[in-house]
Amino acid sequence: AGLPAAEIDPDDDACIFYTSGTTGF
């Protein structure tokens, strides 16, 4: 009925998105 319990700090990462890598990885 509900989501699993989780302790989330505001400074925790929510998402990681990659840059285009125009000049390197």
mmCIF file of all heavy atoms, coordinates in Angstrom:
data_MODEL
# 
_entry.id   MODEL 
# 
loop_
_atom_site.group_PDB 
_atom_site.id 
_atom_site.type_symbol 
_atom_site.label_atom_id 
_atom_site.label_alt_id 
_atom_site.label_comp_id 
_atom_site.label_asym_id 
_atom_site.label_entity_id 
_atom_site.label_seq_id 
_atom_site.pdbx_PDB_ins_code 
_atom_site.Cartn_x 
_atom_site.Cartn_y 
_atom_site.Cartn_z 
_atom_site.occupancy 
_atom_site.B_iso_or_equiv 
_atom_site.pdbx_formal_charge 
_atom_site.auth_seq_id 
_atom_site.auth_comp_id 
_atom_site.auth_asym_id 
_atom_site.auth_atom_id 
_atom_site.pdbx_PDB_model_num 
ATOM 1   N N   . ALA A 1 1  ? 0.804  -1.225 0.000   1.00 0.00 ? 1  ALA A N   1 
ATOM 2   C CA  . ALA A 1 1  ? 0.000  0.000  0.000   1.00 0.00 ? 1  ALA A CA  1 
ATOM 3   C C   . ALA A 1 1  ? 0.836  1.273  0.000   1.00 0.00 ? 1  ALA A C   1 
ATOM 4   O O   . ALA A 1 1  ? 0.356  2.334  -0.410  1.00 0.00 ? 1  ALA A O   1 
ATOM 5   C CB  . ALA A 1 1  ? -0.942 -0.003 1.194   1.00 0.00 ? 1  ALA A CB  1 
ATOM 6   N N   . GLY A 1 2  ? 2.070  1.187  0.473   1.00 0.00 ? 2  GLY A N   1 
ATOM 7   C CA  . GLY A 1 2  ? 2.909  2.382  0.526   1.00 0.00 ? 2  GLY A CA  1 
ATOM 8   C C   . GLY A 1 2  ? 4.292  2.123  -0.010  1.00 0.00 ? 2  GLY A C   1 
ATOM 9   O O   . GLY A 1 2  ? 4.689  0.973  -0.265  1.00 0.00 ? 2  GLY A O   1 
ATOM 10  N N   . LEU A 1 3  ? 5.046  3.191  -0.203  1.00 0.00 ? 3  LEU A N   1 
ATOM 11  C CA  . LEU A 1 3  ? 6.436  3.064  -0.619  1.00 0.00 ? 3  LEU A CA  1 
ATOM 12  C C   . LEU A 1 3  ? 7.269  2.487  0.521   1.00 0.00 ? 3  LEU A C   1 
ATOM 13  O O   . LEU A 1 3  ? 6.916  2.636  1.691   1.00 0.00 ? 3  LEU A O   1 
ATOM 14  C CB  . LEU A 1 3  ? 6.992  4.441  -0.980  1.00 0.00 ? 3  LEU A CB  1 
ATOM 15  C CG  . LEU A 1 3  ? 6.475  5.087  -2.265  1.00 0.00 ? 3  LEU A CG  1 
ATOM 16  C CD1 . LEU A 1 3  ? 6.844  6.573  -2.278  1.00 0.00 ? 3  LEU A CD1 1 
ATOM 17  C CD2 . LEU A 1 3  ? 7.040  4.389  -3.490  1.00 0.00 ? 3  LEU A CD2 1 
ATOM 18  N N   . PRO A 1 4  ? 8.389  1.853  0.217   1.00 0.00 ? 4  PRO A N   1 
ATOM 19  C CA  . PRO A 1 4  ? 9.292  1.414  1.288   1.00 0.00 ? 4  PRO A CA  1 
ATOM 20  C C   . PRO A 1 4  ? 9.781  2.625  2.087   1.00 0.00 ? 4  PRO A C   1 
ATOM 21  O O   . PRO A 1 4  ? 9.954  3.713  1.541   1.00 0.00 ? 4  PRO A O   1 
ATOM 22  C CB  . PRO A 1 4  ? 10.458 0.759  0.531   1.00 0.00 ? 4  PRO A CB  1 
ATOM 23  C CG  . PRO A 1 4  ? 9.925  0.435  -0.827  1.00 0.00 ? 4  PRO A CG  1 
ATOM 24  C CD  . PRO A 1 4  ? 8.907  1.482  -1.127  1.00 0.00 ? 4  PRO A CD  1 
ATOM 25  N N   . ALA A 1 5  ? 9.970  2.429  3.372   1.00 0.00 ? 5  ALA A N   1 
ATOM 26  C CA  . ALA A 1 5  ? 10.504 3.507  4.208   1.00 0.00 ? 5  ALA A CA  1 
ATOM 27  C C   . ALA A 1 5  ? 11.912 3.857  3.735   1.00 0.00 ? 5  ALA A C   1 
ATOM 28  O O   . ALA A 1 5  ? 12.681 2.980  3.327   1.00 0.00 ? 5  ALA A O   1 
ATOM 29  C CB  . ALA A 1 5  ? 10.514 3.083  5.667   1.00 0.00 ? 5  ALA A CB  1 
ATOM 30  N N   . ALA A 1 6  ? 12.244 5.131  3.782   1.00 0.00 ? 6  ALA A N   1 
ATOM 31  C CA  . ALA A 1 6  ? 13.583 5.568  3.369   1.00 0.00 ? 6  ALA A CA  1 
ATOM 32  C C   . ALA A 1 6  ? 13.910 6.881  4.047   1.00 0.00 ? 6  ALA A C   1 
ATOM 33  O O   . ALA A 1 6  ? 13.056 7.775  4.121   1.00 0.00 ? 6  ALA A O   1 
ATOM 34  C CB  . ALA A 1 6  ? 13.655 5.731  1.850   1.00 0.00 ? 6  ALA A CB  1 
ATOM 35  N N   . GLU A 1 7  ? 15.127 6.982  4.557   1.00 0.00 ? 7  GLU A N   1 
ATOM 36  C CA  . GLU A 1 7  ? 15.602 8.239  5.122   1.00 0.00 ? 7  GLU A CA  1 
ATOM 37  C C   . GLU A 1 7  ? 16.415 8.958  4.050   1.00 0.00 ? 7  GLU A C   1 
ATOM 38  O O   . GLU A 1 7  ? 17.463 8.484  3.624   1.00 0.00 ? 7  GLU A O   1 
ATOM 39  C CB  . GLU A 1 7  ? 16.464 7.973  6.362   1.00 0.00 ? 7  GLU A CB  1 
ATOM 40  C CG  . GLU A 1 7  ? 15.673 7.435  7.552   1.00 0.00 ? 7  GLU A CG  1 
ATOM 41  C CD  . GLU A 1 7  ? 16.522 7.339  8.809   1.00 0.00 ? 7  GLU A CD  1 
ATOM 42  O OE1 . GLU A 1 7  ? 17.639 7.913  8.827   1.00 0.00 ? 7  GLU A OE1 1 
ATOM 43  O OE2 . GLU A 1 7  ? 16.073 6.688  9.764   1.00 0.00 ? 7  GLU A OE2 1 
ATOM 44  N N   . ILE A 1 8  ? 15.907 10.105 3.608   1.00 0.00 ? 8  ILE A N   1 
ATOM 45  C CA  . ILE A 1 8  ? 16.532 10.853 2.521   1.00 0.00 ? 8  ILE A CA  1 
ATOM 46  C C   . ILE A 1 8  ? 16.949 12.216 3.052   1.00 0.00 ? 8  ILE A C   1 
ATOM 47  O O   . ILE A 1 8  ? 16.125 12.982 3.541   1.00 0.00 ? 8  ILE A O   1 
ATOM 48  C CB  . ILE A 1 8  ? 15.555 11.023 1.339   1.00 0.00 ? 8  ILE A CB  1 
ATOM 49  C CG1 . ILE A 1 8  ? 15.046 9.654  0.859   1.00 0.00 ? 8  ILE A CG1 1 
ATOM 50  C CG2 . ILE A 1 8  ? 16.235 11.767 0.192   1.00 0.00 ? 8  ILE A CG2 1 
ATOM 51  C CD1 . ILE A 1 8  ? 13.954 9.744  -0.192  1.00 0.00 ? 8  ILE A CD1 1 
ATOM 52  N N   . ASP A 1 9  ? 18.235 12.503 2.954   1.00 0.00 ? 9  ASP A N   1 
ATOM 53  C CA  . ASP A 1 9  ? 18.744 13.810 3.354   1.00 0.00 ? 9  ASP A CA  1 
ATOM 54  C C   . ASP A 1 9  ? 18.572 14.790 2.192   1.00 0.00 ? 9  ASP A C   1 
ATOM 55  O O   . ASP A 1 9  ? 18.746 14.403 1.028   1.00 0.00 ? 9  ASP A O   1 
ATOM 56  C CB  . ASP A 1 9  ? 20.223 13.701 3.734   1.00 0.00 ? 9  ASP A CB  1 
ATOM 57  C CG  . ASP A 1 9  ? 20.751 14.981 4.346   1.00 0.00 ? 9  ASP A CG  1 
ATOM 58  O OD1 . ASP A 1 9  ? 21.144 15.891 3.578   1.00 0.00 ? 9  ASP A OD1 1 
ATOM 59  O OD2 . ASP A 1 9  ? 20.778 15.072 5.585   1.00 0.00 ? 9  ASP A OD2 1 
ATOM 60  N N   . PRO A 1 10 ? 18.212 16.049 2.468   1.00 0.00 ? 10 PRO A N   1 
ATOM 61  C CA  . PRO A 1 10 ? 18.062 17.005 1.368   1.00 0.00 ? 10 PRO A CA  1 
ATOM 62  C C   . PRO A 1 10 ? 19.298 17.119 0.477   1.00 0.00 ? 10 PRO A C   1 
ATOM 63  O O   . PRO A 1 10 ? 19.178 17.417 -0.717  1.00 0.00 ? 10 PRO A O   1 
ATOM 64  C CB  . PRO A 1 10 ? 17.784 18.334 2.094   1.00 0.00 ? 10 PRO A CB  1 
ATOM 65  C CG  . PRO A 1 10 ? 17.166 17.926 3.389   1.00 0.00 ? 10 PRO A CG  1 
ATOM 66  C CD  . PRO A 1 10 ? 17.842 16.637 3.772   1.00 0.00 ? 10 PRO A CD  1 
ATOM 67  N N   . ASP A 1 11 ? 20.490 16.876 1.036   1.00 0.00 ? 11 ASP A N   1 
ATOM 68  C CA  . ASP A 1 11 ? 21.715 16.979 0.244   1.00 0.00 ? 11 ASP A CA  1 
ATOM 69  C C   . ASP A 1 11 ? 22.070 15.694 -0.487  1.00 0.00 ? 11 ASP A C   1 
ATOM 70  O O   . ASP A 1 11 ? 23.095 15.638 -1.176  1.00 0.00 ? 11 ASP A O   1 
ATOM 71  C CB  . ASP A 1 11 ? 22.886 17.402 1.129   1.00 0.00 ? 11 ASP A CB  1 
ATOM 72  C CG  . ASP A 1 11 ? 22.821 18.874 1.509   1.00 0.00 ? 11 ASP A CG  1 
ATOM 73  O OD1 . ASP A 1 11 ? 22.201 19.651 0.760   1.00 0.00 ? 11 ASP A OD1 1 
ATOM 74  O OD2 . ASP A 1 11 ? 23.371 19.252 2.556   1.00 0.00 ? 11 ASP A OD2 1 
ATOM 75  N N   . ASP A 1 12 ? 21.244 14.645 -0.367  1.00 0.00 ? 12 ASP A N   1 
ATOM 76  C CA  . ASP A 1 12 ? 21.478 13.410 -1.118  1.00 0.00 ? 12 ASP A CA  1 
ATOM 77  C C   . ASP A 1 12 ? 21.204 13.648 -2.602  1.00 0.00 ? 12 ASP A C   1 
ATOM 78  O O   . ASP A 1 12 ? 20.337 14.451 -2.973  1.00 0.00 ? 12 ASP A O   1 
ATOM 79  C CB  . ASP A 1 12 ? 20.567 12.286 -0.616  1.00 0.00 ? 12 ASP A CB  1 
ATOM 80  C CG  . ASP A 1 12 ? 20.986 11.758 0.747   1.00 0.00 ? 12 ASP A CG  1 
ATOM 81  O OD1 . ASP A 1 12 ? 22.114 12.050 1.183   1.00 0.00 ? 12 ASP A OD1 1 
ATOM 82  O OD2 . ASP A 1 12 ? 20.174 11.044 1.375   1.00 0.00 ? 12 ASP A OD2 1 
ATOM 83  N N   . ASP A 1 13 ? 21.905 12.903 -3.455  1.00 0.00 ? 13 ASP A N   1 
ATOM 84  C CA  . ASP A 1 13 ? 21.657 12.997 -4.897  1.00 0.00 ? 13 ASP A CA  1 
ATOM 85  C C   . ASP A 1 13 ? 20.273 12.439 -5.234  1.00 0.00 ? 13 ASP A C   1 
ATOM 86  O O   . ASP A 1 13 ? 19.905 11.354 -4.788  1.00 0.00 ? 13 ASP A O   1 
ATOM 87  C CB  . ASP A 1 13 ? 22.700 12.211 -5.685  1.00 0.00 ? 13 ASP A CB  1 
ATOM 88  C CG  . ASP A 1 13 ? 24.075 12.846 -5.637  1.00 0.00 ? 13 ASP A CG  1 
ATOM 89  O OD1 . ASP A 1 13 ? 24.163 14.055 -5.349  1.00 0.00 ? 13 ASP A OD1 1 
ATOM 90  O OD2 . ASP A 1 13 ? 25.063 12.129 -5.875  1.00 0.00 ? 13 ASP A OD2 1 
ATOM 91  N N   . ALA A 1 14 ? 19.531 13.193 -6.039  1.00 0.00 ? 14 ALA A N   1 
ATOM 92  C CA  . ALA A 1 14 ? 18.273 12.694 -6.577  1.00 0.00 ? 14 ALA A CA  1 
ATOM 93  C C   . ALA A 1 14 ? 18.498 12.092 -7.964  1.00 0.00 ? 14 ALA A C   1 
ATOM 94  O O   . ALA A 1 14 ? 17.923 11.061 -8.302  1.00 0.00 ? 14 ALA A O   1 
ATOM 95  C CB  . ALA A 1 14 ? 17.235 13.809 -6.655  1.00 0.00 ? 14 ALA A CB  1 
ATOM 96  N N   . CYS A 1 15 ? 19.321 12.748 -8.762  1.00 0.00 ? 15 CYS A N   1 
ATOM 97  C CA  . CYS A 1 15 ? 19.573 12.248 -10.109 1.00 0.00 ? 15 CYS A CA  1 
ATOM 98  C C   . CYS A 1 15 ? 20.964 12.639 -10.568 1.00 0.00 ? 15 CYS A C   1 
ATOM 99  O O   . CYS A 1 15 ? 21.583 13.559 -10.030 1.00 0.00 ? 15 CYS A O   1 
ATOM 100 C CB  . CYS A 1 15 ? 18.509 12.756 -11.094 1.00 0.00 ? 15 CYS A CB  1 
ATOM 101 S SG  . CYS A 1 15 ? 18.184 14.521 -11.007 1.00 0.00 ? 15 CYS A SG  1 
ATOM 102 N N   . ILE A 1 16 ? 21.452 11.897 -11.530 1.00 0.00 ? 16 ILE A N   1 
ATOM 103 C CA  . ILE A 1 16 ? 22.750 12.168 -12.159 1.00 0.00 ? 16 ILE A CA  1 
ATOM 104 C C   . ILE A 1 16 ? 22.526 12.158 -13.665 1.00 0.00 ? 16 ILE A C   1 
ATOM 105 O O   . ILE A 1 16 ? 22.106 11.147 -14.236 1.00 0.00 ? 16 ILE A O   1 
ATOM 106 C CB  . ILE A 1 16 ? 23.799 11.108 -11.774 1.00 0.00 ? 16 ILE A CB  1 
ATOM 107 C CG1 . ILE A 1 16 ? 24.014 11.087 -10.248 1.00 0.00 ? 16 ILE A CG1 1 
ATOM 108 C CG2 . ILE A 1 16 ? 25.115 11.370 -12.490 1.00 0.00 ? 16 ILE A CG2 1 
ATOM 109 C CD1 . ILE A 1 16 ? 24.917 9.956  -9.767  1.00 0.00 ? 16 ILE A CD1 1 
ATOM 110 N N   . PHE A 1 17 ? 22.771 13.292 -14.303 1.00 0.00 ? 17 PHE A N   1 
ATOM 111 C CA  . PHE A 1 17 ? 22.636 13.407 -15.746 1.00 0.00 ? 17 PHE A CA  1 
ATOM 112 C C   . PHE A 1 17 ? 23.993 13.751 -16.346 1.00 0.00 ? 17 PHE A C   1 
ATOM 113 O O   . PHE A 1 17 ? 24.717 14.594 -15.803 1.00 0.00 ? 17 PHE A O   1 
ATOM 114 C CB  . PHE A 1 17 ? 21.611 14.487 -16.121 1.00 0.00 ? 17 PHE A CB  1 
ATOM 115 C CG  . PHE A 1 17 ? 20.201 14.144 -15.727 1.00 0.00 ? 17 PHE A CG  1 
ATOM 116 C CD1 . PHE A 1 17 ? 19.329 15.125 -15.279 1.00 0.00 ? 17 PHE A CD1 1 
ATOM 117 C CD2 . PHE A 1 17 ? 19.736 12.848 -15.806 1.00 0.00 ? 17 PHE A CD2 1 
ATOM 118 C CE1 . PHE A 1 17 ? 18.028 14.819 -14.915 1.00 0.00 ? 17 PHE A CE1 1 
ATOM 119 C CE2 . PHE A 1 17 ? 18.442 12.520 -15.443 1.00 0.00 ? 17 PHE A CE2 1 
ATOM 120 C CZ  . PHE A 1 17 ? 17.582 13.508 -15.002 1.00 0.00 ? 17 PHE A CZ  1 
ATOM 121 N N   . TYR A 1 18 ? 24.307 13.122 -17.452 1.00 0.00 ? 18 TYR A N   1 
ATOM 122 C CA  . TYR A 1 18 ? 25.628 13.285 -18.053 1.00 0.00 ? 18 TYR A CA  1 
ATOM 123 C C   . TYR A 1 18 ? 25.680 14.444 -19.053 1.00 0.00 ? 18 TYR A C   1 
ATOM 124 O O   . TYR A 1 18 ? 24.745 14.673 -19.811 1.00 0.00 ? 18 TYR A O   1 
ATOM 125 C CB  . TYR A 1 18 ? 26.068 11.979 -18.718 1.00 0.00 ? 18 TYR A CB  1 
ATOM 126 C CG  . TYR A 1 18 ? 26.630 11.008 -17.705 1.00 0.00 ? 18 TYR A CG  1 
ATOM 127 C CD1 . TYR A 1 18 ? 25.788 10.200 -16.949 1.00 0.00 ? 18 TYR A CD1 1 
ATOM 128 C CD2 . TYR A 1 18 ? 27.992 10.948 -17.460 1.00 0.00 ? 18 TYR A CD2 1 
ATOM 129 C CE1 . TYR A 1 18 ? 26.300 9.342  -15.988 1.00 0.00 ? 18 TYR A CE1 1 
ATOM 130 C CE2 . TYR A 1 18 ? 28.511 10.098 -16.513 1.00 0.00 ? 18 TYR A CE2 1 
ATOM 131 C CZ  . TYR A 1 18 ? 27.658 9.292  -15.771 1.00 0.00 ? 18 TYR A CZ  1 
ATOM 132 O OH  . TYR A 1 18 ? 28.180 8.455  -14.811 1.00 0.00 ? 18 TYR A OH  1 
ATOM 133 N N   . THR A 1 19 ? 26.810 15.140 -19.023 1.00 0.00 ? 19 THR A N   1 
ATOM 134 C CA  . THR A 1 19 ? 27.045 16.208 -19.992 1.00 0.00 ? 19 THR A CA  1 
ATOM 135 C C   . THR A 1 19 ? 27.312 15.593 -21.365 1.00 0.00 ? 19 THR A C   1 
ATOM 136 O O   . THR A 1 19 ? 27.422 14.372 -21.504 1.00 0.00 ? 19 THR A O   1 
ATOM 137 C CB  . THR A 1 19 ? 28.240 17.074 -19.557 1.00 0.00 ? 19 THR A CB  1 
ATOM 138 O OG1 . THR A 1 19 ? 29.422 16.239 -19.516 1.00 0.00 ? 19 THR A OG1 1 
ATOM 139 C CG2 . THR A 1 19 ? 28.012 17.666 -18.177 1.00 0.00 ? 19 THR A CG2 1 
ATOM 140 N N   . SER A 1 20 ? 27.444 16.453 -22.360 1.00 0.00 ? 20 SER A N   1 
ATOM 141 C CA  . SER A 1 20 ? 27.576 15.948 -23.732 1.00 0.00 ? 20 SER A CA  1 
ATOM 142 C C   . SER A 1 20 ? 28.928 15.312 -24.010 1.00 0.00 ? 20 SER A C   1 
ATOM 143 O O   . SER A 1 20 ? 29.061 14.508 -24.932 1.00 0.00 ? 20 SER A O   1 
ATOM 144 C CB  . SER A 1 20 ? 27.352 17.094 -24.720 1.00 0.00 ? 20 SER A CB  1 
ATOM 145 O OG  . SER A 1 20 ? 28.321 18.106 -24.522 1.00 0.00 ? 20 SER A OG  1 
ATOM 146 N N   . GLY A 1 21 ? 29.965 15.681 -23.245 1.00 0.00 ? 21 GLY A N   1 
ATOM 147 C CA  . GLY A 1 21 ? 31.289 15.123 -23.505 1.00 0.00 ? 21 GLY A CA  1 
ATOM 148 C C   . GLY A 1 21 ? 31.927 15.689 -24.754 1.00 0.00 ? 21 GLY A C   1 
ATOM 149 O O   . GLY A 1 21 ? 32.661 14.996 -25.460 1.00 0.00 ? 21 GLY A O   1 
ATOM 150 N N   . THR A 1 22 ? 31.659 16.961 -25.041 1.00 0.00 ? 22 THR A N   1 
ATOM 151 C CA  . THR A 1 22 ? 32.158 17.583 -26.272 1.00 0.00 ? 22 THR A CA  1 
ATOM 152 C C   . THR A 1 22 ? 33.688 17.589 -26.325 1.00 0.00 ? 22 THR A C   1 
ATOM 153 O O   . THR A 1 22 ? 34.288 17.341 -27.373 1.00 0.00 ? 22 THR A O   1 
ATOM 154 C CB  . THR A 1 22 ? 31.637 19.024 -26.383 1.00 0.00 ? 22 THR A CB  1 
ATOM 155 O OG1 . THR A 1 22 ? 30.208 19.006 -26.289 1.00 0.00 ? 22 THR A OG1 1 
ATOM 156 C CG2 . THR A 1 22 ? 32.045 19.641 -27.708 1.00 0.00 ? 22 THR A CG2 1 
ATOM 157 N N   . THR A 1 23 ? 34.328 17.870 -25.195 1.00 0.00 ? 23 THR A N   1 
ATOM 158 C CA  . THR A 1 23 ? 35.794 17.996 -25.184 1.00 0.00 ? 23 THR A CA  1 
ATOM 159 C C   . THR A 1 23 ? 36.484 16.863 -24.430 1.00 0.00 ? 23 THR A C   1 
ATOM 160 O O   . THR A 1 23 ? 37.693 16.909 -24.198 1.00 0.00 ? 23 THR A O   1 
ATOM 161 C CB  . THR A 1 23 ? 36.203 19.332 -24.543 1.00 0.00 ? 23 THR A CB  1 
ATOM 162 O OG1 . THR A 1 23 ? 35.679 19.384 -23.202 1.00 0.00 ? 23 THR A OG1 1 
ATOM 163 C CG2 . THR A 1 23 ? 35.656 20.511 -25.335 1.00 0.00 ? 23 THR A CG2 1 
ATOM 164 N N   . GLY A 1 24 ? 35.743 15.858 -24.039 1.00 0.00 ? 24 GLY A N   1 
ATOM 165 C CA  . GLY A 1 24 ? 36.314 14.741 -23.285 1.00 0.00 ? 24 GLY A CA  1 
ATOM 166 C C   . GLY A 1 24 ? 35.197 13.793 -22.905 1.00 0.00 ? 24 GLY A C   1 
ATOM 167 O O   . GLY A 1 24 ? 34.116 13.804 -23.495 1.00 0.00 ? 24 GLY A O   1 
ATOM 168 N N   . PHE A 1 25 ? 35.443 12.966 -21.908 1.00 0.00 ? 25 PHE A N   1 
ATOM 169 C CA  . PHE A 1 25 ? 34.394 12.065 -21.452 1.00 0.00 ? 25 PHE A CA  1 
ATOM 170 C C   . PHE A 1 25 ? 33.255 12.862 -20.824 1.00 0.00 ? 25 PHE A C   1 
ATOM 171 O O   . PHE A 1 25 ? 33.487 13.887 -20.176 1.00 0.00 ? 25 PHE A O   1 
ATOM 172 C CB  . PHE A 1 25 ? 34.947 11.079 -20.418 1.00 0.00 ? 25 PHE A CB  1 
ATOM 173 C CG  . PHE A 1 25 ? 35.821 10.003 -21.012 1.00 0.00 ? 25 PHE A CG  1 
ATOM 174 C CD1 . PHE A 1 25 ? 37.165 9.924  -20.686 1.00 0.00 ? 25 PHE A CD1 1 
ATOM 175 C CD2 . PHE A 1 25 ? 35.288 9.080  -21.891 1.00 0.00 ? 25 PHE A CD2 1 
ATOM 176 C CE1 . PHE A 1 25 ? 37.969 8.938  -21.227 1.00 0.00 ? 25 PHE A CE1 1 
ATOM 177 C CE2 . PHE A 1 25 ? 36.078 8.082  -22.443 1.00 0.00 ? 25 PHE A CE2 1 
ATOM 178 C CZ  . PHE A 1 25 ? 37.424 8.017  -22.116 1.00 0.00 ? 25 PHE A CZ  1 
# 
